[in-house]
Amino acid sequence: MASLRVHPDRLEILLTRAEKALSLRRDDIVVPRENIRSVTITDDPWIWIRGIRSPGVGLPLVVAVGTWKFHGGKDFLAIKRKRQAVIVDLIDDEFSRVILTTNHAPDLIASLKLGG
């Protein structure tokens, strides 16, 4: 499961070796805080998937890791099973949104202190 680190100026998404391999990605994802529009918690991340996998791995309701392209851009997913996830909506960034399963979604939202 990806690790999330919140800094005063950025959100770092540290991918595991397996997630990097499955997504065909060499680097972790770093998002400047000013590019974060909103953060949402969901109990069913699978309903938030849009577009087609390119590149990445997807097995419905089991795992989805990689880039999903859609008409308006692309999303990055690191979803495992039907666990609680966080959806990070972005502006002016590599991805339109990032969806990650995490055990610490409420803590992430509290530490980002969005909308204040």
N, C-alpha and C. Protein backbone atom coordinates (compact mmCIF):
# COMPACT_ATOMS: atom_id res chain seq x y z
N MET A 1 0.84 -1.17 0.00
CA MET A 1 0.00 0.00 0.00
C MET A 1 0.89 1.24 0.00
N ALA A 2 0.58 2.21 -0.82
CA ALA A 2 1.36 3.44 -0.93
C ALA A 2 1.36 4.19 0.41
N SER A 3 2.48 4.84 0.68
CA SER A 3 2.59 5.68 1.88
C SER A 3 2.38 7.13 1.48
N LEU A 4 1.71 7.86 2.34
CA LEU A 4 1.44 9.27 2.08
C LEU A 4 2.18 10.13 3.09
N ARG A 5 2.85 11.17 2.62
CA ARG A 5 3.54 12.11 3.49
C ARG A 5 3.08 13.51 3.16
N VAL A 6 2.63 14.22 4.16
CA VAL A 6 2.16 15.59 3.98
C VAL A 6 3.25 16.54 4.47
N HIS A 7 3.66 17.44 3.59
CA HIS A 7 4.64 18.47 3.91
C HIS A 7 3.95 19.82 3.79
N PRO A 8 4.54 20.88 4.33
CA PRO A 8 3.90 22.20 4.23
C PRO A 8 3.62 22.63 2.78
N ASP A 9 4.44 22.19 1.83
CA ASP A 9 4.29 22.65 0.44
C ASP A 9 3.87 21.57 -0.54
N ARG A 10 3.79 20.28 -0.10
CA ARG A 10 3.50 19.22 -1.05
C ARG A 10 2.95 17.97 -0.35
N LEU A 11 2.32 17.12 -1.16
CA LEU A 11 1.88 15.80 -0.74
C LEU A 11 2.71 14.79 -1.52
N GLU A 12 3.39 13.92 -0.81
CA GLU A 12 4.19 12.88 -1.46
C GLU A 12 3.46 11.55 -1.36
N ILE A 13 3.35 10.87 -2.48
CA ILE A 13 2.76 9.54 -2.52
C ILE A 13 3.89 8.58 -2.86
N LEU A 14 4.34 7.85 -1.85
CA LEU A 14 5.47 6.94 -2.01
C LEU A 14 4.96 5.56 -2.36
N LEU A 15 5.18 5.17 -3.58
CA LEU A 15 4.69 3.89 -4.09
C LEU A 15 5.63 2.76 -3.69
N THR A 16 5.06 1.59 -3.45
CA THR A 16 5.88 0.41 -3.18
C THR A 16 6.56 -0.05 -4.47
N ARG A 17 7.52 -0.92 -4.35
CA ARG A 17 8.18 -1.46 -5.55
C ARG A 17 7.18 -2.15 -6.46
N ALA A 18 6.29 -2.90 -5.86
CA ALA A 18 5.28 -3.61 -6.65
C ALA A 18 4.38 -2.63 -7.39
N GLU A 19 3.94 -1.56 -6.72
CA GLU A 19 3.08 -0.56 -7.37
C GLU A 19 3.81 0.14 -8.51
N LYS A 20 5.09 0.43 -8.31
CA LYS A 20 5.87 1.04 -9.39
C LYS A 20 5.99 0.09 -10.57
N ALA A 21 6.24 -1.18 -10.30
CA ALA A 21 6.36 -2.16 -11.38
C ALA A 21 5.03 -2.34 -12.12
N LEU A 22 3.93 -2.48 -11.37
CA LEU A 22 2.63 -2.69 -12.00
C LEU A 22 2.16 -1.48 -12.80
N SER A 23 2.53 -0.28 -12.35
CA SER A 23 2.09 0.94 -13.03
C SER A 23 3.09 1.40 -14.09
N LEU A 24 4.21 0.67 -14.22
CA LEU A 24 5.28 1.04 -15.15
C LEU A 24 5.76 2.47 -14.88
N ARG A 25 5.97 2.75 -13.61
CA ARG A 25 6.35 4.09 -13.17
C ARG A 25 7.64 3.99 -12.36
N ARG A 26 8.59 4.86 -12.63
CA ARG A 26 9.86 4.84 -11.92
C ARG A 26 9.84 5.67 -10.65
N ASP A 27 9.09 6.77 -10.68
CA ASP A 27 9.14 7.73 -9.58
C ASP A 27 7.87 7.73 -8.76
N ASP A 28 8.02 8.23 -7.53
CA ASP A 28 6.85 8.47 -6.68
C ASP A 28 6.10 9.68 -7.22
N ILE A 29 4.91 9.92 -6.70
CA ILE A 29 4.10 11.04 -7.14
C ILE A 29 4.22 12.16 -6.11
N VAL A 30 4.54 13.35 -6.57
CA VAL A 30 4.65 14.52 -5.70
C VAL A 30 3.68 15.57 -6.23
N VAL A 31 2.78 16.01 -5.34
CA VAL A 31 1.75 16.98 -5.72
C VAL A 31 1.93 18.25 -4.89
N PRO A 32 2.15 19.40 -5.52
CA PRO A 32 2.18 20.64 -4.76
C PRO A 32 0.83 20.88 -4.09
N ARG A 33 0.85 21.36 -2.85
CA ARG A 33 -0.42 21.55 -2.12
C ARG A 33 -1.37 22.50 -2.81
N GLU A 34 -0.83 23.50 -3.52
CA GLU A 34 -1.73 24.45 -4.20
C GLU A 34 -2.47 23.80 -5.37
N ASN A 35 -2.04 22.61 -5.80
CA ASN A 35 -2.73 21.90 -6.88
C ASN A 35 -3.82 20.97 -6.38
N ILE A 36 -3.98 20.84 -5.08
CA ILE A 36 -5.03 19.97 -4.51
C ILE A 36 -6.32 20.77 -4.40
N ARG A 37 -7.33 20.35 -5.15
CA ARG A 37 -8.63 21.03 -5.11
C ARG A 37 -9.49 20.50 -3.97
N SER A 38 -9.54 19.16 -3.82
CA SER A 38 -10.35 18.58 -2.75
C SER A 38 -9.87 17.17 -2.46
N VAL A 39 -10.26 16.68 -1.28
CA VAL A 39 -9.93 15.31 -0.88
C VAL A 39 -11.21 14.70 -0.31
N THR A 40 -11.53 13.48 -0.76
CA THR A 40 -12.76 12.81 -0.37
C THR A 40 -12.43 11.39 0.09
N ILE A 41 -13.16 10.92 1.10
CA ILE A 41 -13.02 9.54 1.55
C ILE A 41 -14.18 8.74 0.95
N THR A 42 -13.88 7.53 0.49
CA THR A 42 -14.92 6.65 -0.03
C THR A 42 -14.71 5.23 0.49
N ASP A 43 -15.80 4.54 0.72
CA ASP A 43 -15.74 3.14 1.12
C ASP A 43 -15.71 2.20 -0.08
N ASP A 44 -16.05 2.74 -1.27
CA ASP A 44 -16.03 1.94 -2.49
C ASP A 44 -15.29 2.70 -3.59
N PRO A 45 -13.96 2.56 -3.66
CA PRO A 45 -13.20 3.30 -4.67
C PRO A 45 -13.46 2.85 -6.11
N TRP A 46 -14.02 1.66 -6.28
CA TRP A 46 -14.23 1.13 -7.62
C TRP A 46 -15.23 1.94 -8.43
N ILE A 47 -16.17 2.60 -7.79
CA ILE A 47 -17.16 3.38 -8.54
C ILE A 47 -16.56 4.69 -9.06
N TRP A 48 -15.38 5.06 -8.60
CA TRP A 48 -14.73 6.31 -9.01
C TRP A 48 -13.83 6.13 -10.22
N ILE A 49 -13.62 4.91 -10.68
CA ILE A 49 -12.72 4.68 -11.81
C ILE A 49 -13.40 5.14 -13.10
N ARG A 50 -12.64 5.88 -13.90
CA ARG A 50 -13.15 6.34 -15.19
C ARG A 50 -12.06 6.14 -16.25
N GLY A 51 -12.46 5.87 -17.48
CA GLY A 51 -11.51 5.73 -18.57
C GLY A 51 -10.97 4.33 -18.74
N ILE A 52 -9.83 4.27 -19.45
CA ILE A 52 -9.21 2.98 -19.74
C ILE A 52 -7.79 2.94 -19.17
N ARG A 53 -7.37 1.77 -18.80
CA ARG A 53 -6.05 1.56 -18.21
C ARG A 53 -4.98 1.76 -19.28
N SER A 54 -3.96 2.57 -18.93
CA SER A 54 -2.90 2.81 -19.91
C SER A 54 -1.75 3.60 -19.30
N PRO A 55 -0.69 3.05 -18.84
CA PRO A 55 -0.41 1.66 -18.54
C PRO A 55 -0.82 1.33 -17.11
N GLY A 56 -0.89 0.07 -16.82
CA GLY A 56 -1.24 -0.36 -15.48
C GLY A 56 -1.84 -1.75 -15.47
N VAL A 57 -2.31 -2.14 -14.29
CA VAL A 57 -2.90 -3.46 -14.10
C VAL A 57 -4.26 -3.28 -13.45
N GLY A 58 -5.24 -4.00 -13.95
CA GLY A 58 -6.57 -3.92 -13.37
C GLY A 58 -7.27 -5.26 -13.35
N LEU A 59 -7.69 -5.66 -12.18
CA LEU A 59 -8.50 -6.86 -12.01
C LEU A 59 -9.67 -6.42 -11.13
N PRO A 60 -10.86 -6.25 -11.70
CA PRO A 60 -11.98 -5.66 -10.97
C PRO A 60 -12.20 -6.25 -9.58
N LEU A 61 -12.38 -5.37 -8.63
CA LEU A 61 -12.62 -5.64 -7.22
C LEU A 61 -11.45 -6.33 -6.52
N VAL A 62 -10.29 -6.43 -7.19
CA VAL A 62 -9.11 -7.02 -6.59
C VAL A 62 -7.98 -6.00 -6.53
N VAL A 63 -7.57 -5.49 -7.70
CA VAL A 63 -6.47 -4.53 -7.74
C VAL A 63 -6.59 -3.65 -8.99
N ALA A 64 -6.24 -2.39 -8.82
CA ALA A 64 -6.13 -1.44 -9.94
C ALA A 64 -4.96 -0.53 -9.61
N VAL A 65 -3.89 -0.65 -10.39
CA VAL A 65 -2.70 0.15 -10.16
C VAL A 65 -2.21 0.69 -11.49
N GLY A 66 -2.06 2.01 -11.58
CA GLY A 66 -1.53 2.60 -12.79
C GLY A 66 -2.30 3.83 -13.22
N THR A 67 -2.13 4.17 -14.48
CA THR A 67 -2.75 5.36 -15.06
C THR A 67 -4.01 4.94 -15.82
N TRP A 68 -5.08 5.66 -15.60
CA TRP A 68 -6.33 5.47 -16.34
C TRP A 68 -6.57 6.74 -17.13
N LYS A 69 -6.64 6.62 -18.46
CA LYS A 69 -6.86 7.78 -19.32
C LYS A 69 -8.34 7.91 -19.64
N PHE A 70 -8.81 9.15 -19.65
CA PHE A 70 -10.19 9.43 -20.02
C PHE A 70 -10.19 10.67 -20.90
N HIS A 71 -11.35 11.03 -21.41
CA HIS A 71 -11.45 12.13 -22.38
C HIS A 71 -10.84 13.43 -21.87
N GLY A 72 -10.95 13.72 -20.57
CA GLY A 72 -10.47 14.99 -20.03
C GLY A 72 -9.08 14.96 -19.42
N GLY A 73 -8.38 13.83 -19.46
CA GLY A 73 -7.05 13.76 -18.85
C GLY A 73 -6.74 12.35 -18.40
N LYS A 74 -6.08 12.26 -17.23
CA LYS A 74 -5.75 10.94 -16.71
C LYS A 74 -5.74 10.95 -15.19
N ASP A 75 -6.02 9.78 -14.62
CA ASP A 75 -6.04 9.57 -13.18
C ASP A 75 -4.98 8.54 -12.82
N PHE A 76 -4.48 8.60 -11.59
CA PHE A 76 -3.59 7.55 -11.09
C PHE A 76 -4.33 6.79 -10.00
N LEU A 77 -4.30 5.44 -10.09
CA LEU A 77 -4.99 4.59 -9.13
C LEU A 77 -4.02 3.63 -8.46
N ALA A 78 -4.21 3.42 -7.19
CA ALA A 78 -3.54 2.35 -6.44
C ALA A 78 -4.59 1.82 -5.47
N ILE A 79 -5.49 0.97 -6.00
CA ILE A 79 -6.63 0.45 -5.25
C ILE A 79 -6.44 -1.04 -5.03
N LYS A 80 -6.67 -1.46 -3.80
CA LYS A 80 -6.57 -2.88 -3.47
C LYS A 80 -7.84 -3.33 -2.76
N ARG A 81 -8.46 -4.33 -3.32
CA ARG A 81 -9.70 -4.90 -2.79
C ARG A 81 -10.74 -3.81 -2.54
N LYS A 82 -11.69 -4.09 -1.65
CA LYS A 82 -12.73 -3.11 -1.36
C LYS A 82 -12.45 -2.48 -0.01
N ARG A 83 -11.39 -1.67 0.04
CA ARG A 83 -10.99 -0.98 1.26
C ARG A 83 -11.30 0.50 1.14
N GLN A 84 -11.29 1.16 2.27
CA GLN A 84 -11.49 2.61 2.28
C GLN A 84 -10.38 3.28 1.49
N ALA A 85 -10.75 4.30 0.73
CA ALA A 85 -9.78 4.99 -0.11
C ALA A 85 -9.97 6.49 -0.01
N VAL A 86 -8.96 7.19 -0.49
CA VAL A 86 -9.00 8.64 -0.54
C VAL A 86 -8.91 9.05 -2.01
N ILE A 87 -9.75 10.01 -2.40
CA ILE A 87 -9.75 10.55 -3.75
C ILE A 87 -9.24 11.97 -3.66
N VAL A 88 -8.11 12.24 -4.31
CA VAL A 88 -7.50 13.57 -4.30
C VAL A 88 -7.73 14.19 -5.67
N ASP A 89 -8.59 15.22 -5.72
CA ASP A 89 -8.85 15.94 -6.97
C ASP A 89 -7.80 17.02 -7.13
N LEU A 90 -7.22 17.08 -8.35
CA LEU A 90 -6.10 17.99 -8.61
C LEU A 90 -6.42 18.96 -9.73
N ILE A 91 -5.71 20.09 -9.73
CA ILE A 91 -5.77 21.04 -10.84
C ILE A 91 -4.35 21.34 -11.27
N ASP A 92 -4.17 21.55 -12.58
CA ASP A 92 -2.85 21.91 -13.14
C ASP A 92 -1.76 20.95 -12.71
N ASP A 93 -2.02 19.64 -12.81
CA ASP A 93 -1.04 18.64 -12.41
C ASP A 93 -0.99 17.52 -13.45
N GLU A 94 -0.06 16.59 -13.29
CA GLU A 94 0.09 15.47 -14.20
C GLU A 94 -1.20 14.65 -14.27
N PHE A 95 -1.87 14.49 -13.13
CA PHE A 95 -3.11 13.72 -13.06
C PHE A 95 -4.27 14.63 -12.66
N SER A 96 -5.48 14.25 -13.10
CA SER A 96 -6.68 14.98 -12.69
C SER A 96 -7.11 14.58 -11.30
N ARG A 97 -6.83 13.31 -10.97
CA ARG A 97 -7.12 12.85 -9.63
C ARG A 97 -6.30 11.61 -9.32
N VAL A 98 -6.09 11.40 -8.03
CA VAL A 98 -5.35 10.25 -7.54
C VAL A 98 -6.28 9.52 -6.57
N ILE A 99 -6.42 8.21 -6.75
CA ILE A 99 -7.27 7.40 -5.88
C ILE A 99 -6.40 6.32 -5.24
N LEU A 100 -6.34 6.30 -3.91
CA LEU A 100 -5.47 5.39 -3.19
C LEU A 100 -6.21 4.73 -2.03
N THR A 101 -6.04 3.43 -1.88
CA THR A 101 -6.55 2.80 -0.67
C THR A 101 -5.57 3.11 0.46
N THR A 102 -6.12 3.43 1.61
CA THR A 102 -5.29 3.78 2.76
C THR A 102 -6.05 3.52 4.05
N ASN A 103 -5.32 3.20 5.08
CA ASN A 103 -5.93 3.03 6.40
C ASN A 103 -5.99 4.35 7.16
N HIS A 104 -5.45 5.41 6.58
CA HIS A 104 -5.31 6.68 7.30
C HIS A 104 -6.00 7.84 6.58
N ALA A 105 -7.10 7.59 5.90
CA ALA A 105 -7.78 8.64 5.15
C ALA A 105 -8.23 9.82 6.02
N PRO A 106 -8.86 9.60 7.18
CA PRO A 106 -9.27 10.75 8.00
C PRO A 106 -8.07 11.58 8.48
N ASP A 107 -6.96 10.91 8.80
CA ASP A 107 -5.76 11.62 9.22
C ASP A 107 -5.19 12.46 8.09
N LEU A 108 -5.24 11.94 6.86
CA LEU A 108 -4.74 12.69 5.72
C LEU A 108 -5.54 13.96 5.51
N ILE A 109 -6.86 13.85 5.57
CA ILE A 109 -7.70 15.03 5.37
C ILE A 109 -7.45 16.05 6.48
N ALA A 110 -7.32 15.59 7.69
CA ALA A 110 -7.05 16.51 8.81
C ALA A 110 -5.70 17.21 8.64
N SER A 111 -4.70 16.49 8.19
CA SER A 111 -3.37 17.09 8.06
C SER A 111 -3.29 18.06 6.88
N LEU A 112 -4.12 17.85 5.85
CA LEU A 112 -4.13 18.77 4.72
C LEU A 112 -4.89 20.06 5.03
N LYS A 113 -5.88 19.96 5.93
CA LYS A 113 -6.67 21.13 6.35
C LYS A 113 -7.17 21.94 5.14
N LEU A 114 -7.86 21.26 4.23
CA LEU A 114 -8.39 21.92 3.04
C LEU A 114 -9.66 22.69 3.38
N GLY A 115 -9.91 23.69 2.58
CA GLY A 115 -11.13 24.47 2.69
C GLY A 115 -11.15 25.45 3.84
N GLY A 116 -10.03 25.69 4.47
CA GLY A 116 -10.00 26.58 5.61
C GLY A 116 -9.47 27.89 5.38
